[in-house]
Amino acid sequence: MKLHFVKVNPAENMTIFVLDQIPNEHHRRIANKLMDYNNIHGEQVGFIQREGSYMKLQMMGGEFCGNATRSLASYMVYSRYPEIKEIAQGYEVKLKTSGVEETITCIVKPTENENIYYSQINMPLPLSVKEEYIYCNEKPISTIKVNLPGIVHFIVDMNKIEDEDDYFQRVKSEMDKSQYDAFGIMFYDKEKNYLKPLVYVKATDSLYWERSCASGTCALGAALAYEGNSPITKSIHQPGGNLEVSVDWKDGKIASITLNGLVEIVAEGIVYL
């Protein structure tokens, strides 16, 4: 099989886009091959489709991914898709994505490099934000569970976790009691403002220590606003770089979440499977 692809780098959360129209039932098999070290190699795969007048990003497990979504918006500007709209701040891009019913809006700003963009995404609001406890060795560990459309994130103080693999298994056993597309554990060091993202996608049974995580960064922002009962704007340091999250907090709830960061288009071409 010969496929046309694009590889993008949103804060080193390396993402592969498949441009050919591939039936959804083949996504899991193709994604696993593309992510493999002896192929293109990446952390996740998205399939570019069309839904009515919109371009749609169908992620490999049907999950929602903020980094991939804002990366597709950047690629659409790079490729001069007709769906983009020039505005004062750059370009406005509206698109659809798996895991979310609503249309997503991104603002993309070119840089002096033709393959690098600043891409800001207006994130879907959390369905819920609440404190829960995960038990490890019969000891309760506090976590903020942020349920976003298409993915659930657990925000936890990394300094309280003795065994990260064991903690993942404890969270997974809880998640497996219900339906979900994907979940992440966001290990956060508040003093150092450092986030270490671990993401599991159910359909592909893939687990990655991601270099950055957009939805996880937004979940962290939501958790910090929830804990402080106030709006927040913060640049979050992660292994692959920084992502800036802004959470507008009004009347005791989240009114909006935006996330901004660089996206680099690193490769495009043909791959053989």
Protein backbone atom coordinates (compact mmCIF):
# COMPACT_ATOMS: atom_id res chain seq x y z
CA MET A 1 0.00 0.00 0.00
CA LYS A 2 1.24 3.48 -0.91
CA LEU A 3 0.03 6.42 1.21
CA HIS A 4 0.61 10.17 1.11
CA PHE A 5 1.59 11.59 4.48
CA VAL A 6 2.63 14.70 6.38
CA LYS A 7 4.63 14.64 9.61
CA VAL A 8 4.26 17.57 12.00
CA ASN A 9 5.96 18.66 15.19
CA PRO A 10 3.73 20.45 17.74
CA ALA A 11 6.14 20.85 20.69
CA GLU A 12 7.63 17.43 19.82
CA ASN A 13 4.29 15.58 20.11
CA MET A 14 5.24 14.01 16.77
CA THR A 15 2.13 13.47 14.67
CA ILE A 16 1.59 11.77 11.31
CA PHE A 17 -1.28 12.78 9.00
CA VAL A 18 -2.53 10.40 6.32
CA LEU A 19 -3.92 12.41 3.41
CA ASP A 20 -5.51 9.53 1.48
CA GLN A 21 -9.14 8.60 2.19
CA ILE A 22 -8.92 5.41 4.23
CA PRO A 23 -11.99 3.59 5.69
CA ASN A 24 -12.10 3.87 9.47
CA GLU A 25 -11.89 0.11 10.00
CA HIS A 26 -8.30 0.16 8.66
CA HIS A 27 -7.09 3.06 10.81
CA ARG A 28 -5.84 1.02 13.75
CA ARG A 29 -3.70 -1.33 11.63
CA ILE A 30 -2.23 1.48 9.52
CA ALA A 31 -1.57 3.73 12.51
CA ASN A 32 0.35 1.04 14.38
CA LYS A 33 2.57 0.44 11.35
CA LEU A 34 3.24 4.13 10.76
CA MET A 35 4.13 4.77 14.41
CA ASP A 36 6.63 1.93 14.45
CA TYR A 37 10.33 2.77 14.76
CA ASN A 38 11.14 1.11 11.40
CA ASN A 39 8.58 3.24 9.56
CA ILE A 40 7.86 7.01 9.80
CA HIS A 41 7.81 6.81 13.62
CA GLY A 42 5.62 9.09 15.69
CA GLU A 43 3.47 9.29 18.80
CA GLN A 44 0.10 9.40 17.05
CA VAL A 45 -1.64 9.26 13.67
CA GLY A 46 -4.54 11.26 12.28
CA PHE A 47 -6.50 10.63 9.08
CA ILE A 48 -7.63 13.68 7.09
CA GLN A 49 -11.22 13.43 5.85
CA ARG A 50 -13.97 15.74 4.66
CA GLU A 51 -17.24 16.25 6.50
CA GLY A 52 -19.58 18.48 4.50
CA SER A 53 -17.83 21.81 3.91
CA TYR A 54 -15.25 21.13 6.66
CA MET A 55 -12.00 19.26 6.79
CA LYS A 56 -12.09 16.63 9.53
CA LEU A 57 -9.31 15.10 11.59
CA GLN A 58 -10.10 11.49 12.46
CA MET A 59 -7.62 10.36 15.10
CA MET A 60 -6.41 6.76 15.13
CA GLY A 61 -8.54 5.74 18.10
CA GLY A 62 -11.44 8.13 17.61
CA GLU A 63 -10.03 10.30 20.40
CA PHE A 64 -9.63 14.08 20.51
CA CYS A 65 -6.15 15.58 20.30
CA GLY A 66 -5.57 19.32 20.63
CA ASN A 67 -2.01 19.24 19.29
CA ALA A 68 -3.05 17.30 16.18
CA THR A 69 -6.01 19.62 15.61
CA ARG A 70 -3.99 22.81 15.76
CA SER A 71 -1.33 21.11 13.62
CA LEU A 72 -3.90 20.31 10.93
CA ALA A 73 -4.96 23.97 10.99
CA SER A 74 -1.31 24.94 10.41
CA TYR A 75 -1.00 22.46 7.55
CA MET A 76 -4.18 23.86 5.96
CA VAL A 77 -2.65 27.35 6.01
CA TYR A 78 0.66 25.99 4.68
CA SER A 79 -1.17 24.23 1.84
CA ARG A 80 -3.53 27.16 1.12
CA TYR A 81 -6.72 25.19 1.68
CA PRO A 82 -9.79 27.17 0.50
CA GLU A 83 -11.41 26.77 3.95
CA ILE A 84 -8.98 29.18 5.63
CA LYS A 85 -9.96 32.81 6.24
CA GLU A 86 -7.46 35.64 6.41
CA ILE A 87 -7.93 37.89 9.46
CA ALA A 88 -5.93 40.64 11.18
CA GLN A 89 -4.13 38.18 13.50
CA GLY A 90 -3.27 35.71 10.72
CA TYR A 91 -5.68 33.04 9.53
CA GLU A 92 -8.86 31.62 11.04
CA VAL A 93 -9.39 27.91 10.42
CA LYS A 94 -12.57 26.05 11.32
CA LEU A 95 -12.52 22.27 11.24
CA LYS A 96 -14.03 19.11 12.64
CA THR A 97 -12.30 16.46 14.72
CA SER A 98 -13.03 13.08 16.21
CA GLY A 99 -14.11 12.97 19.84
CA VAL A 100 -15.84 16.37 19.64
CA GLU A 101 -19.23 17.26 18.15
CA GLU A 102 -18.68 21.00 17.86
CA THR A 103 -16.66 22.81 15.21
CA ILE A 104 -13.18 23.80 16.41
CA THR A 105 -11.65 27.20 15.62
CA CYS A 106 -7.91 27.79 15.37
CA ILE A 107 -5.98 31.02 14.77
CA VAL A 108 -2.78 30.40 12.81
CA LYS A 109 0.03 32.96 12.51
CA PRO A 110 2.89 32.47 10.03
CA THR A 111 6.51 32.99 11.11
CA GLU A 112 9.55 33.93 9.05
CA ASN A 113 9.93 30.21 8.23
CA GLU A 114 7.42 28.94 5.68
CA ASN A 115 6.99 25.62 7.50
CA ILE A 116 6.62 26.96 11.08
CA TYR A 117 3.49 28.54 12.56
CA TYR A 118 2.00 29.70 15.82
CA SER A 119 -1.31 27.90 16.16
CA GLN A 120 -3.89 28.73 18.81
CA ILE A 121 -6.86 26.48 19.42
CA ASN A 122 -10.12 27.24 21.20
CA MET A 123 -10.53 24.03 23.16
CA PRO A 124 -13.83 22.32 23.92
CA LEU A 125 -14.87 22.87 27.54
CA PRO A 126 -14.53 20.06 30.10
CA LEU A 127 -17.61 17.97 30.76
CA SER A 128 -16.55 17.85 34.40
CA VAL A 129 -13.67 18.77 36.71
CA LYS A 130 -13.53 17.08 40.12
CA GLU A 131 -11.17 15.76 42.77
CA GLU A 132 -10.84 11.98 43.07
CA TYR A 133 -8.55 9.59 44.92
CA ILE A 134 -6.53 6.76 43.38
CA TYR A 135 -5.32 4.18 45.88
CA CYS A 136 -1.74 2.91 45.68
CA ASN A 137 -0.54 0.53 48.39
CA GLU A 138 -3.75 1.33 50.28
CA LYS A 139 -2.74 5.01 50.35
CA PRO A 140 -5.13 7.54 48.75
CA ILE A 141 -3.49 9.92 46.29
CA SER A 142 -5.43 13.03 45.33
CA THR A 143 -5.95 13.69 41.62
CA ILE A 144 -8.01 16.19 39.65
CA LYS A 145 -9.99 14.29 37.00
CA VAL A 146 -10.77 16.46 33.96
CA ASN A 147 -13.25 14.88 31.58
CA LEU A 148 -12.83 16.48 28.15
CA PRO A 149 -14.79 15.44 25.06
CA GLY A 150 -12.85 12.54 23.54
CA ILE A 151 -10.29 12.13 26.34
CA VAL A 152 -10.05 12.05 30.14
CA HIS A 153 -7.05 13.42 32.02
CA PHE A 154 -5.85 12.83 35.57
CA ILE A 155 -3.72 15.63 37.04
CA VAL A 156 -1.46 14.40 39.83
CA ASP A 157 1.50 15.73 41.81
CA MET A 158 4.44 13.75 40.41
CA ASN A 159 6.31 14.04 43.70
CA LYS A 160 3.66 11.91 45.40
CA ILE A 161 3.99 9.01 42.95
CA GLU A 162 6.52 6.33 43.91
CA ASP A 163 5.88 3.99 40.97
CA GLU A 164 4.52 5.56 37.75
CA ASP A 165 3.82 2.19 36.09
CA ASP A 166 1.82 1.01 39.07
CA TYR A 167 -0.10 4.28 39.17
CA PHE A 168 -0.96 3.92 35.48
CA GLN A 169 -2.32 0.41 36.07
CA ARG A 170 -4.44 1.67 38.99
CA VAL A 171 -5.92 4.42 36.83
CA LYS A 172 -6.48 2.05 33.90
CA SER A 173 -8.33 -0.44 36.09
CA GLU A 174 -10.68 2.38 37.12
CA MET A 175 -11.13 3.60 33.53
CA ASP A 176 -11.81 0.08 32.24
CA LYS A 177 -15.01 0.04 34.28
CA SER A 178 -16.56 2.48 31.79
CA GLN A 179 -16.45 3.45 28.11
CA TYR A 180 -13.67 5.75 26.93
CA ASP A 181 -11.54 6.53 23.86
CA ALA A 182 -8.36 7.64 25.58
CA PHE A 183 -7.01 8.89 28.87
CA GLY A 184 -3.91 10.66 30.07
CA ILE A 185 -2.03 10.95 33.33
CA MET A 186 -0.46 14.37 33.67
CA PHE A 187 2.39 14.12 36.19
CA TYR A 188 2.90 17.72 37.32
CA ASP A 189 5.56 19.40 39.44
CA LYS A 190 3.96 22.67 40.54
CA GLU A 191 7.15 24.19 41.96
CA LYS A 192 9.08 23.61 38.72
CA ASN A 193 5.99 24.16 36.52
CA TYR A 194 6.91 20.95 34.69
CA LEU A 195 4.43 18.54 33.08
CA LYS A 196 5.25 14.95 32.13
CA PRO A 197 2.39 13.54 29.97
CA LEU A 198 1.49 9.85 29.68
CA VAL A 199 -1.34 9.04 27.23
CA TYR A 200 -3.14 5.78 26.52
CA VAL A 201 -5.35 5.24 23.43
CA LYS A 202 -7.71 2.29 23.82
CA ALA A 203 -8.42 1.39 20.16
CA THR A 204 -4.73 1.02 19.28
CA ASP A 205 -3.70 -0.17 22.76
CA SER A 206 -0.88 2.39 22.56
CA LEU A 207 0.80 4.00 25.55
CA TYR A 208 3.25 6.88 25.08
CA TRP A 209 5.26 9.22 27.25
CA GLU A 210 4.44 12.17 25.04
CA ARG A 211 6.88 15.03 24.57
CA SER A 212 3.93 17.42 25.00
CA CYS A 213 0.17 17.10 25.29
CA ALA A 214 -2.24 19.87 24.30
CA SER A 215 -5.40 18.44 25.84
CA GLY A 216 -3.40 17.49 28.94
CA THR A 217 -2.05 21.03 29.21
CA CYS A 218 -5.60 22.38 28.95
CA ALA A 219 -6.75 19.86 31.57
CA LEU A 220 -3.95 21.09 33.84
CA GLY A 221 -5.06 24.68 33.27
CA ALA A 222 -8.63 23.71 34.08
CA ALA A 223 -7.46 21.96 37.27
CA LEU A 224 -5.41 24.97 38.40
CA ALA A 225 -8.33 27.33 37.74
CA TYR A 226 -10.63 24.94 39.61
CA GLU A 227 -8.29 24.78 42.60
CA GLY A 228 -7.70 28.54 42.67
CA ASN A 229 -11.28 29.50 41.76
CA SER A 230 -9.81 32.06 39.36
CA PRO A 231 -8.70 32.54 35.73
CA ILE A 232 -5.20 31.49 34.77
CA THR A 233 -2.69 32.04 31.96
CA LYS A 234 0.44 29.95 32.16
CA SER A 235 3.21 28.67 29.92
CA ILE A 236 3.67 25.00 30.87
CA HIS A 237 7.12 23.47 30.42
CA GLN A 238 7.14 19.90 29.04
CA PRO A 239 9.82 17.56 27.68
CA GLY A 240 9.27 18.82 24.13
CA GLY A 241 8.91 22.51 24.90
CA ASN A 242 6.33 24.99 26.17
CA LEU A 243 2.60 25.28 25.56
CA GLU A 244 0.64 28.30 26.79
CA VAL A 245 -2.82 27.74 28.23
CA SER A 246 -5.38 30.41 29.17
CA VAL A 247 -8.49 29.54 31.17
CA ASP A 248 -11.26 32.10 31.63
CA TRP A 249 -13.05 31.45 34.94
CA LYS A 250 -16.40 33.16 35.54
CA ASP A 251 -19.08 32.64 38.18
CA GLY A 252 -17.38 29.54 39.56
CA LYS A 253 -16.95 27.72 36.25
CA ILE A 254 -14.79 27.61 33.13
CA ALA A 255 -15.96 29.97 30.38
CA SER A 256 -13.25 29.26 27.79
CA ILE A 257 -9.89 27.56 27.27
CA THR A 258 -7.32 28.48 24.63
CA LEU A 259 -3.95 26.90 23.93
CA ASN A 260 -1.10 28.29 21.86
CA GLY A 261 2.27 27.01 20.67
CA LEU A 262 4.53 26.42 17.70
CA VAL A 263 3.84 23.85 14.99
CA GLU A 264 6.55 22.77 12.56
CA ILE A 265 5.84 20.83 9.37
CA VAL A 266 8.87 18.56 9.17
CA ALA A 267 8.18 16.15 6.29
CA GLU A 268 5.70 15.27 3.56
CA GLY A 269 5.75 12.56 0.95
CA ILE A 270 4.89 8.92 0.26
CA VAL A 271 5.13 5.96 2.62
CA TYR A 272 4.96 2.28 1.70
CA LEU A 273 3.23 -0.25 3.92
